PDB file of all heavy atoms in Angstrom:
ATOM      1  N   ILE A   1      -9.838  10.227   1.559  1.00  0.00           N
ATOM      2  CA  ILE A   1      -8.798  10.841   0.732  1.00  0.00           C
ATOM      3  C   ILE A   1      -8.233  12.098   1.719  1.00  0.00           C
ATOM      4  O   ILE A   1      -9.084  12.696   2.341  1.00  0.00           O
ATOM      5  CB  ILE A   1      -9.471  11.637  -0.546  1.00  0.00           C
ATOM      6  CG1 ILE A   1     -10.040  10.522  -1.431  1.00  0.00           C
ATOM      7  CG2 ILE A   1      -8.438  12.372  -1.285  1.00  0.00           C
ATOM      8  CD1 ILE A   1     -10.842  11.093  -2.537  1.00  0.00           C
ATOM      9  N   THR A   2      -6.905  12.172   1.608  1.00  0.00           N
ATOM     10  CA  THR A   2      -6.325  13.237   2.370  1.00  0.00           C
ATOM     11  C   THR A   2      -5.455  14.081   1.494  1.00  0.00           C
ATOM     12  O   THR A   2      -4.557  13.522   0.856  1.00  0.00           O
ATOM     13  CB  THR A   2      -5.466  12.726   3.616  1.00  0.00           C
ATOM     14  OG1 THR A   2      -6.271  11.948   4.418  1.00  0.00           O
ATOM     15  CG2 THR A   2      -4.936  13.886   4.288  1.00  0.00           C
ATOM     16  N   VAL A   3      -5.743  15.357   1.266  1.00  0.00           N
ATOM     17  CA  VAL A   3      -4.938  16.243   0.523  1.00  0.00           C
ATOM     18  C   VAL A   3      -4.352  17.194   1.400  1.00  0.00           C
ATOM     19  O   VAL A   3      -5.046  18.048   2.140  1.00  0.00           O
ATOM     20  CB  VAL A   3      -5.839  16.898  -0.735  1.00  0.00           C
ATOM     21  CG1 VAL A   3      -4.963  17.929  -1.468  1.00  0.00           C
ATOM     22  CG2 VAL A   3      -6.439  15.844  -1.483  1.00  0.00           C
ATOM     23  N   VAL A   4      -2.996  17.438   1.399  1.00  0.00           N
ATOM     24  CA  VAL A   4      -2.402  18.365   2.235  1.00  0.00           C
ATOM     25  C   VAL A   4      -1.752  19.629   1.243  1.00  0.00           C
ATOM     26  O   VAL A   4      -1.064  19.234   0.306  1.00  0.00           O
ATOM     27  CB  VAL A   4      -1.151  17.749   2.878  1.00  0.00           C
ATOM     28  CG1 VAL A   4      -0.426  18.779   3.798  1.00  0.00           C
ATOM     29  CG2 VAL A   4      -1.654  16.608   3.823  1.00  0.00           C
ATOM     30  N   ALA A   5      -2.348  20.714   1.413  1.00  0.00           N
ATOM     31  CA  ALA A   5      -1.777  21.890   0.699  1.00  0.00           C
ATOM     32  C   ALA A   5      -0.609  22.595   1.432  1.00  0.00           C
ATOM     33  O   ALA A   5      -0.897  23.109   2.552  1.00  0.00           O
ATOM     34  CB  ALA A   5      -2.967  22.903   0.404  1.00  0.00           C
ATOM     35  N   ASP A   6       0.575  22.504   0.860  1.00  0.00           N
ATOM     36  CA  ASP A   6       1.740  23.075   1.498  1.00  0.00           C
ATOM     37  C   ASP A   6       2.046  24.431   0.869  1.00  0.00           C
ATOM     38  O   ASP A   6       1.854  24.618  -0.325  1.00  0.00           O
ATOM     39  CB  ASP A   6       2.949  22.180   1.457  1.00  0.00           C
ATOM     40  CG  ASP A   6       2.658  20.766   2.181  1.00  0.00           C
ATOM     41  OD1 ASP A   6       2.124  20.874   3.296  1.00  0.00           O
ATOM     42  OD2 ASP A   6       2.984  19.773   1.584  1.00  0.00           O
ATOM     43  N   ALA A   7       2.795  25.274   1.556  1.00  0.00           N
ATOM     44  CA  ALA A   7       3.555  26.373   1.029  1.00  0.00           C
ATOM     45  C   ALA A   7       4.604  25.750  -0.015  1.00  0.00           C
ATOM     46  O   ALA A   7       4.954  24.653   0.110  1.00  0.00           O
ATOM     47  CB  ALA A   7       4.267  27.175   2.063  1.00  0.00           C
ATOM     48  N   GLN A   8       4.874  26.491  -1.098  1.00  0.00           N
ATOM     49  CA  GLN A   8       5.665  26.053  -2.237  1.00  0.00           C
ATOM     50  C   GLN A   8       7.008  25.345  -1.670  1.00  0.00           C
ATOM     51  O   GLN A   8       7.370  24.281  -2.004  1.00  0.00           O
ATOM     52  CB  GLN A   8       5.827  27.063  -3.255  1.00  0.00           C
ATOM     53  CG  GLN A   8       6.717  26.555  -4.422  1.00  0.00           C
ATOM     54  CD  GLN A   8       5.890  25.593  -5.281  1.00  0.00           C
ATOM     55  OE1 GLN A   8       4.781  25.843  -5.730  1.00  0.00           O
ATOM     56  NE2 GLN A   8       6.486  24.341  -5.453  1.00  0.00           N
ATOM     57  N   GLY A   9       7.708  26.080  -0.701  1.00  0.00           N
ATOM     58  CA  GLY A   9       8.962  25.553  -0.298  1.00  0.00           C
ATOM     59  C   GLY A   9       8.828  24.336   0.496  1.00  0.00           C
ATOM     60  O   GLY A   9       9.554  23.376   0.271  1.00  0.00           O
ATOM     61  N   ASP A  10       7.734  24.297   1.330  1.00  0.00           N
ATOM     62  CA  ASP A  10       7.377  22.998   2.034  1.00  0.00           C
ATOM     63  C   ASP A  10       7.209  21.891   1.153  1.00  0.00           C
ATOM     64  O   ASP A  10       7.574  20.715   1.390  1.00  0.00           O
ATOM     65  CB  ASP A  10       6.283  23.245   3.100  1.00  0.00           C
ATOM     66  CG  ASP A  10       6.685  24.147   4.242  1.00  0.00           C
ATOM     67  OD1 ASP A  10       7.914  24.424   4.532  1.00  0.00           O
ATOM     68  OD2 ASP A  10       5.779  24.813   4.741  1.00  0.00           O
ATOM     69  N   PHE A  11       6.365  22.132   0.117  1.00  0.00           N
ATOM     70  CA  PHE A  11       6.005  21.127  -0.860  1.00  0.00           C
ATOM     71  C   PHE A  11       7.300  20.545  -1.584  1.00  0.00           C
ATOM     72  O   PHE A  11       7.559  19.527  -1.734  1.00  0.00           O
ATOM     73  CB  PHE A  11       5.105  21.527  -1.905  1.00  0.00           C
ATOM     74  CG  PHE A  11       4.784  20.512  -2.963  1.00  0.00           C
ATOM     75  CD1 PHE A  11       4.019  19.506  -2.738  1.00  0.00           C
ATOM     76  CD2 PHE A  11       5.441  20.805  -4.195  1.00  0.00           C
ATOM     77  CE1 PHE A  11       3.801  18.580  -3.743  1.00  0.00           C
ATOM     78  CE2 PHE A  11       5.182  19.833  -5.153  1.00  0.00           C
ATOM     79  CZ  PHE A  11       4.435  18.755  -5.032  1.00  0.00           C
ATOM     80  N   ASP A  12       8.143  21.563  -1.976  1.00  0.00           N
ATOM     81  CA  ASP A  12       9.391  21.022  -2.705  1.00  0.00           C
ATOM     82  C   ASP A  12      10.244  20.182  -1.803  1.00  0.00           C
ATOM     83  O   ASP A  12      10.790  19.164  -2.315  1.00  0.00           O
ATOM     84  CB  ASP A  12      10.198  22.299  -3.129  1.00  0.00           C
ATOM     85  CG  ASP A  12       9.516  23.139  -4.262  1.00  0.00           C
ATOM     86  OD1 ASP A  12       8.624  22.498  -4.935  1.00  0.00           O
ATOM     87  OD2 ASP A  12       9.775  24.266  -4.390  1.00  0.00           O
ATOM     88  N   ARG A  13      10.339  20.522  -0.456  1.00  0.00           N
ATOM     89  CA  ARG A  13      11.254  19.747   0.391  1.00  0.00           C
ATOM     90  C   ARG A  13      10.481  18.267   0.633  1.00  0.00           C
ATOM     91  O   ARG A  13      11.211  17.319   0.676  1.00  0.00           O
ATOM     92  CB  ARG A  13      11.348  20.501   1.732  1.00  0.00           C
ATOM     93  CG  ARG A  13      12.405  21.497   1.680  1.00  0.00           C
ATOM     94  CD  ARG A  13      12.548  22.215   2.984  1.00  0.00           C
ATOM     95  NE  ARG A  13      11.472  23.060   3.531  1.00  0.00           N
ATOM     96  CZ  ARG A  13      11.327  24.399   3.230  1.00  0.00           C
ATOM     97  NH1 ARG A  13      12.087  24.903   2.410  1.00  0.00           N
ATOM     98  NH2 ARG A  13      10.177  24.936   3.645  1.00  0.00           N
ATOM     99  N   TRP A  14       9.218  18.352   0.702  1.00  0.00           N
ATOM    100  CA  TRP A  14       8.517  17.047   0.844  1.00  0.00           C
ATOM    101  C   TRP A  14       8.669  16.126  -0.342  1.00  0.00           C
ATOM    102  O   TRP A  14       8.942  15.002  -0.090  1.00  0.00           O
ATOM    103  CB  TRP A  14       6.957  17.270   1.107  1.00  0.00           C
ATOM    104  CG  TRP A  14       6.137  16.149   1.190  1.00  0.00           C
ATOM    105  CD1 TRP A  14       5.890  15.366   2.277  1.00  0.00           C
ATOM    106  CD2 TRP A  14       5.537  15.479   0.064  1.00  0.00           C
ATOM    107  NE1 TRP A  14       5.039  14.187   1.981  1.00  0.00           N
ATOM    108  CE2 TRP A  14       4.901  14.276   0.605  1.00  0.00           C
ATOM    109  CE3 TRP A  14       5.357  15.816  -1.289  1.00  0.00           C
ATOM    110  CZ2 TRP A  14       4.074  13.416  -0.198  1.00  0.00           C
ATOM    111  CZ3 TRP A  14       4.576  14.858  -2.075  1.00  0.00           C
ATOM    112  CH2 TRP A  14       3.982  13.809  -1.517  1.00  0.00           C
ATOM    113  N   LEU A  15       8.483  16.679  -1.538  1.00  0.00           N
ATOM    114  CA  LEU A  15       8.648  15.882  -2.654  1.00  0.00           C
ATOM    115  C   LEU A  15      10.116  15.361  -2.727  1.00  0.00           C
ATOM    116  O   LEU A  15      10.326  14.149  -3.232  1.00  0.00           O
ATOM    117  CB  LEU A  15       8.314  16.763  -3.971  1.00  0.00           C
ATOM    118  CG  LEU A  15       8.211  15.887  -5.248  1.00  0.00           C
ATOM    119  CD1 LEU A  15       7.245  14.842  -5.076  1.00  0.00           C
ATOM    120  CD2 LEU A  15       7.883  16.864  -6.425  1.00  0.00           C
ATOM    121  N   GLN A  16      11.081  16.204  -2.494  1.00  0.00           N
ATOM    122  CA  GLN A  16      12.421  15.743  -2.471  1.00  0.00           C
ATOM    123  C   GLN A  16      12.664  14.602  -1.576  1.00  0.00           C
ATOM    124  O   GLN A  16      13.382  13.653  -1.865  1.00  0.00           O
ATOM    125  CB  GLN A  16      13.380  16.862  -2.265  1.00  0.00           C
ATOM    126  CG  GLN A  16      13.582  17.904  -3.367  1.00  0.00           C
ATOM    127  CD  GLN A  16      14.312  19.136  -2.859  1.00  0.00           C
ATOM    128  OE1 GLN A  16      14.986  19.186  -1.964  1.00  0.00           O
ATOM    129  NE2 GLN A  16      14.385  20.202  -3.802  1.00  0.00           N
ATOM    130  N   ALA A  17      12.133  14.686  -0.413  1.00  0.00           N
ATOM    131  CA  ALA A  17      12.340  13.555   0.742  1.00  0.00           C
ATOM    132  C   ALA A  17      11.592  12.317   0.180  1.00  0.00           C
ATOM    133  O   ALA A  17      12.111  11.214   0.298  1.00  0.00           O
ATOM    134  CB  ALA A  17      11.669  14.073   1.850  1.00  0.00           C
ATOM    135  N   GLN A  18      10.416  12.454  -0.445  1.00  0.00           N
ATOM    136  CA  GLN A  18       9.646  11.258  -0.960  1.00  0.00           C
ATOM    137  C   GLN A  18      10.375  10.648  -2.107  1.00  0.00           C
ATOM    138  O   GLN A  18      10.228   9.342  -2.350  1.00  0.00           O
ATOM    139  CB  GLN A  18       8.297  11.678  -1.343  1.00  0.00           C
ATOM    140  CG  GLN A  18       7.462  12.157  -0.344  1.00  0.00           C
ATOM    141  CD  GLN A  18       7.169  11.282   0.807  1.00  0.00           C
ATOM    142  OE1 GLN A  18       6.756   9.947   0.580  1.00  0.00           O
ATOM    143  NE2 GLN A  18       7.295  11.507   2.093  1.00  0.00           N
ATOM    144  N   ALA A  19      11.174  11.252  -2.986  1.00  0.00           N
ATOM    145  CA  ALA A  19      11.954  10.822  -4.131  1.00  0.00           C
ATOM    146  C   ALA A  19      13.042   9.923  -3.568  1.00  0.00           C
ATOM    147  O   ALA A  19      13.634   9.047  -4.449  1.00  0.00           O
ATOM    148  CB  ALA A  19      12.372  11.858  -4.913  1.00  0.00           C
ATOM    149  N   ARG A  20      13.473  10.008  -2.301  1.00  0.00           N
ATOM    150  CA  ARG A  20      14.721   9.290  -1.913  1.00  0.00           C
ATOM    151  C   ARG A  20      14.387   7.896  -1.497  1.00  0.00           C
ATOM    152  O   ARG A  20      13.167   7.626  -1.142  1.00  0.00           O
ATOM    153  CB  ARG A  20      15.276   9.956  -0.710  1.00  0.00           C
ATOM    154  CG  ARG A  20      15.852  11.456  -0.916  1.00  0.00           C
ATOM    155  CD  ARG A  20      16.571  11.950   0.289  1.00  0.00           C
ATOM    156  NE  ARG A  20      16.833  13.435   0.164  1.00  0.00           N
ATOM    157  CZ  ARG A  20      16.226  14.303   0.858  1.00  0.00           C
ATOM    158  NH1 ARG A  20      15.228  13.899   1.720  1.00  0.00           N
ATOM    159  NH2 ARG A  20      16.444  15.497   0.704  1.00  0.00           N
ATOM    160  N   PRO A  21      15.289   6.959  -1.665  1.00  0.00           N
ATOM    161  CA  PRO A  21      15.046   5.592  -1.206  1.00  0.00           C
ATOM    162  C   PRO A  21      14.957   5.624   0.315  1.00  0.00           C
ATOM    163  O   PRO A  21      15.106   6.655   1.023  1.00  0.00           O
ATOM    164  CB  PRO A  21      16.207   4.828  -1.655  1.00  0.00           C
ATOM    165  CG  PRO A  21      17.320   5.765  -1.797  1.00  0.00           C
ATOM    166  CD  PRO A  21      16.586   7.112  -2.201  1.00  0.00           C
ATOM    167  N   ARG A  22      14.660   4.579   0.968  1.00  0.00           N
ATOM    168  CA  ARG A  22      14.469   4.481   2.395  1.00  0.00           C
ATOM    169  C   ARG A  22      15.877   4.889   3.075  1.00  0.00           C
ATOM    170  O   ARG A  22      16.884   4.560   2.555  1.00  0.00           O
ATOM    171  CB  ARG A  22      14.045   3.093   2.881  1.00  0.00           C
ATOM    172  CG  ARG A  22      15.026   1.997   2.584  1.00  0.00           C
ATOM    173  CD  ARG A  22      15.577   1.518   4.070  1.00  0.00           C
ATOM    174  NE  ARG A  22      16.328   0.351   3.931  1.00  0.00           N
ATOM    175  CZ  ARG A  22      17.545   0.186   3.618  1.00  0.00           C
ATOM    176  NH1 ARG A  22      18.301   1.237   3.365  1.00  0.00           N
ATOM    177  NH2 ARG A  22      18.198  -0.987   3.646  1.00  0.00           N
ATOM    178  N   GLY A  23      15.630   5.500   4.175  1.00  0.00           N
ATOM    179  CA  GLY A  23      16.915   6.024   4.880  1.00  0.00           C
ATOM    180  C   GLY A  23      17.661   4.928   5.592  1.00  0.00           C
ATOM    181  O   GLY A  23      17.375   3.751   5.414  1.00  0.00           O
ATOM    182  N   ASP A  24      18.470   5.363   6.458  1.00  0.00           N
ATOM    183  CA  ASP A  24      19.355   4.402   7.264  1.00  0.00           C
ATOM    184  C   ASP A  24      18.407   3.448   8.167  1.00  0.00           C
ATOM    185  O   ASP A  24      17.621   3.945   8.995  1.00  0.00           O
ATOM    186  CB  ASP A  24      20.254   5.147   8.254  1.00  0.00           C
ATOM    187  CG  ASP A  24      21.169   4.226   9.047  1.00  0.00           C
ATOM    188  OD1 ASP A  24      21.184   3.035   8.683  1.00  0.00           O
ATOM    189  OD2 ASP A  24      21.754   4.771   9.928  1.00  0.00           O
ATOM    190  N   ALA A  25      18.606   2.193   7.790  1.00  0.00           N
ATOM    191  CA  ALA A  25      17.562   1.211   8.542  1.00  0.00           C
ATOM    192  C   ALA A  25      18.379   0.456   9.578  1.00  0.00           C
ATOM    193  O   ALA A  25      17.874  -0.552  10.030  1.00  0.00           O
ATOM    194  CB  ALA A  25      17.150   0.309   7.544  1.00  0.00           C
ATOM    195  N   SER A  26      19.504   0.929   9.971  1.00  0.00           N
ATOM    196  CA  SER A  26      20.406   0.145  10.935  1.00  0.00           C
ATOM    197  C   SER A  26      19.592   0.055  12.335  1.00  0.00           C
ATOM    198  O   SER A  26      19.594  -1.107  12.858  1.00  0.00           O
ATOM    199  CB  SER A  26      21.733   0.902  11.249  1.00  0.00           C
ATOM    200  OG  SER A  26      21.457   2.206  11.710  1.00  0.00           O
ATOM    201  N   ALA A  27      18.885   1.113  12.719  1.00  0.00           N
ATOM    202  CA  ALA A  27      18.076   0.943  14.012  1.00  0.00           C
ATOM    203  C   ALA A  27      16.863  -0.129  13.827  1.00  0.00           C
ATOM    204  O   ALA A  27      16.356  -0.711  14.856  1.00  0.00           O
ATOM    205  CB  ALA A  27      17.430   2.253  14.368  1.00  0.00           C
ATOM    206  N   GLY A  28      16.513  -0.405  12.573  1.00  0.00           N
ATOM    207  CA  GLY A  28      15.441  -1.339  12.387  1.00  0.00           C
ATOM    208  C   GLY A  28      15.878  -2.519  11.464  1.00  0.00           C
ATOM    209  O   GLY A  28      15.004  -3.149  10.802  1.00  0.00           O
ATOM    210  N   ALA A  29      17.131  -2.912  11.529  1.00  0.00           N
ATOM    211  CA  ALA A  29      17.720  -3.933  10.796  1.00  0.00           C
ATOM    212  C   ALA A  29      16.929  -5.272  11.052  1.00  0.00           C
ATOM    213  O   ALA A  29      16.708  -5.890  10.048  1.00  0.00           O
ATOM    214  CB  ALA A  29      19.147  -4.088  11.009  1.00  0.00           C
ATOM    215  N   GLN A  30      16.677  -5.565  12.147  1.00  0.00           N
ATOM    216  CA  GLN A  30      15.885  -6.756  12.414  1.00  0.00           C
ATOM    217  C   GLN A  30      14.514  -6.838  11.775  1.00  0.00           C
ATOM    218  O   GLN A  30      14.073  -7.825  11.243  1.00  0.00           O
ATOM    219  CB  GLN A  30      15.767  -7.102  13.949  1.00  0.00           C
ATOM    220  CG  GLN A  30      15.133  -8.393  14.287  1.00  0.00           C
ATOM    221  CD  GLN A  30      15.717  -9.617  13.706  1.00  0.00           C
ATOM    222  OE1 GLN A  30      17.052  -9.643  13.573  1.00  0.00           O
ATOM    223  NE2 GLN A  30      15.001 -10.567  13.387  1.00  0.00           N
ATOM    224  N   GLY A  31      13.874  -5.655  11.881  1.00  0.00           N
ATOM    225  CA  GLY A  31      12.559  -5.537  11.401  1.00  0.00           C
ATOM    226  C   GLY A  31      12.616  -5.644   9.857  1.00  0.00           C
ATOM    227  O   GLY A  31      11.664  -6.165   9.186  1.00  0.00           O
ATOM    228  N   GLU A  32      13.593  -5.086   9.254  1.00  0.00           N
ATOM    229  CA  GLU A  32      13.778  -5.292   7.697  1.00  0.00           C
ATOM    230  C   GLU A  32      13.994  -6.730   7.366  1.00  0.00           C
ATOM    231  O   GLU A  32      13.435  -7.179   6.328  1.00  0.00           O
ATOM    232  CB  GLU A  32      15.023  -4.432   7.216  1.00  0.00           C
ATOM    233  CG  GLU A  32      15.100  -4.442   5.685  1.00  0.00           C
ATOM    234  CD  GLU A  32      15.967  -3.273   5.200  1.00  0.00           C
ATOM    235  OE1 GLU A  32      15.421  -2.138   5.051  1.00  0.00           O
ATOM    236  OE2 GLU A  32      17.126  -3.661   4.917  1.00  0.00           O
ATOM    237  N   LYS A  33      14.593  -7.472   8.188  1.00  0.00           N
ATOM    238  CA  LYS A  33      14.805  -8.888   8.024  1.00  0.00           C
ATOM    239  C   LYS A  33      13.502  -9.583   8.019  1.00  0.00           C
ATOM    240  O   LYS A  33      13.153 -10.488   7.206  1.00  0.00           O
ATOM    241  CB  LYS A  33      15.770  -9.554   8.865  1.00  0.00           C
ATOM    242  CG  LYS A  33      17.218  -9.141   8.739  1.00  0.00           C
ATOM    243  CD  LYS A  33      18.120  -9.742   9.720  1.00  0.00           C
ATOM    244  CE  LYS A  33      19.553  -9.335   9.616  1.00  0.00           C
ATOM    245  NZ  LYS A  33      20.509  -9.908  10.611  1.00  0.00           N
ATOM    246  N   VAL A  34      12.669  -9.211   9.053  1.00  0.00           N
ATOM    247  CA  VAL A  34      11.220  -9.782   9.194  1.00  0.00           C
ATOM    248  C   VAL A  34      10.435  -9.381   7.911  1.00  0.00           C
ATOM    249  O   VAL A  34       9.770 -10.233   7.424  1.00  0.00           O
ATOM    250  CB  VAL A  34      10.564  -9.316  10.430  1.00  0.00           C
ATOM    251  CG1 VAL A  34       9.122  -9.640  10.451  1.00  0.00           C
ATOM    252  CG2 VAL A  34      11.439  -9.667  11.588  1.00  0.00           C
ATOM    253  N   PHE A  35      10.513  -8.037   7.425  1.00  0.00           N
ATOM    254  CA  PHE A  35       9.690  -7.724   6.298  1.00  0.00           C
ATOM    255  C   PHE A  35      10.153  -8.496   5.091  1.00  0.00           C
ATOM    256  O   PHE A  35       9.278  -8.927   4.403  1.00  0.00           O
ATOM    257  CB  PHE A  35       9.978  -6.242   6.112  1.00  0.00           C
ATOM    258  CG  PHE A  35       9.268  -5.671   4.995  1.00  0.00           C
ATOM    259  CD1 PHE A  35       8.019  -5.006   5.278  1.00  0.00           C
ATOM    260  CD2 PHE A  35       9.666  -5.716   3.678  1.00  0.00           C
ATOM    261  CE1 PHE A  35       7.259  -4.478   4.181  1.00  0.00           C
ATOM    262  CE2 PHE A  35       8.914  -5.052   2.676  1.00  0.00           C
ATOM    263  CZ  PHE A  35       7.743  -4.443   2.893  1.00  0.00           C
ATOM    264  N   MET A  36      11.416  -8.673   4.864  1.00  0.00           N
ATOM    265  CA  MET A  36      11.880  -9.212   3.634  1.00  0.00           C
ATOM    266  C   MET A  36      11.718 -10.803   3.621  1.00  0.00           C
ATOM    267  O   MET A  36      11.759 -11.496   2.546  1.00  0.00           O
ATOM    268  CB  MET A  36      13.300  -8.901   3.385  1.00  0.00           C
ATOM    269  CG  MET A  36      13.765  -7.539   3.329  1.00  0.00           C
ATOM    270  SD  MET A  36      12.993  -6.634   1.923  1.00  0.00           S
ATOM    271  CE  MET A  36      13.813  -7.386   0.589  1.00  0.00           C
ATOM    272  N   SER A  37      11.443 -11.407   4.846  1.00  0.00           N
ATOM    273  CA  SER A  37      11.327 -12.856   4.843  1.00  0.00           C
ATOM    274  C   SER A  37       9.995 -13.429   5.060  1.00  0.00           C
ATOM    275  O   SER A  37       9.641 -14.546   5.153  1.00  0.00           O
ATOM    276  CB  SER A  37      12.081 -13.403   6.080  1.00  0.00           C
ATOM    277  OG  SER A  37      11.646 -12.879   7.309  1.00  0.00           O
ATOM    278  N   ASN A  38       8.960 -12.431   4.860  1.00  0.00           N
ATOM    279  CA  ASN A  38       7.489 -12.725   5.044  1.00  0.00           C
ATOM    280  C   ASN A  38       6.852 -12.217   3.753  1.00  0.00           C
ATOM    281  O   ASN A  38       7.344 -11.695   2.742  1.00  0.00           O
ATOM    282  CB  ASN A  38       6.983 -12.188   6.265  1.00  0.00           C
ATOM    283  CG  ASN A  38       7.302 -12.937   7.493  1.00  0.00           C
ATOM    284  OD1 ASN A  38       6.675 -13.938   7.824  1.00  0.00           O
ATOM    285  ND2 ASN A  38       8.313 -12.509   8.173  1.00  0.00           N
ATOM    286  N   LEU A  39       5.489 -12.511   3.782  1.00  0.00           N
ATOM    287  CA  LEU A  39       4.593 -12.068   2.578  1.00  0.00           C
ATOM    288  C   LEU A  39       4.569 -10.484   2.410  1.00  0.00           C
ATOM    289  O   LEU A  39       4.388 -10.201   1.173  1.00  0.00           O
ATOM    290  CB  LEU A  39       3.178 -12.474   2.940  1.00  0.00           C
ATOM    291  CG  LEU A  39       2.852 -13.956   2.940  1.00  0.00           C
ATOM    292  CD1 LEU A  39       1.369 -14.223   3.470  1.00  0.00           C
ATOM    293  CD2 LEU A  39       3.147 -14.720   1.673  1.00  0.00           C
ATOM    294  N   CYS A  40       5.127  -9.741   3.354  1.00  0.00           N
ATOM    295  CA  CYS A  40       5.181  -8.341   3.065  1.00  0.00           C
ATOM    296  C   CYS A  40       5.807  -8.090   1.768  1.00  0.00           C
ATOM    297  O   CYS A  40       5.468  -7.105   0.921  1.00  0.00           O
ATOM    298  CB  CYS A  40       5.802  -7.644   4.229  1.00  0.00           C
ATOM    299  SG  CYS A  40       5.430  -8.313   5.927  1.00  0.00           S
TER     300      CYS A  40
END
């Protein structure tokens, strides 16, 4: 178990980032194709 205690502002920014869908995957487009075409 890993628990990270952040300052309130840092926690708010972290939670907002975690709420977003995956970012721009253009640099890993081939990897996303591999992911989507296998058991992953």
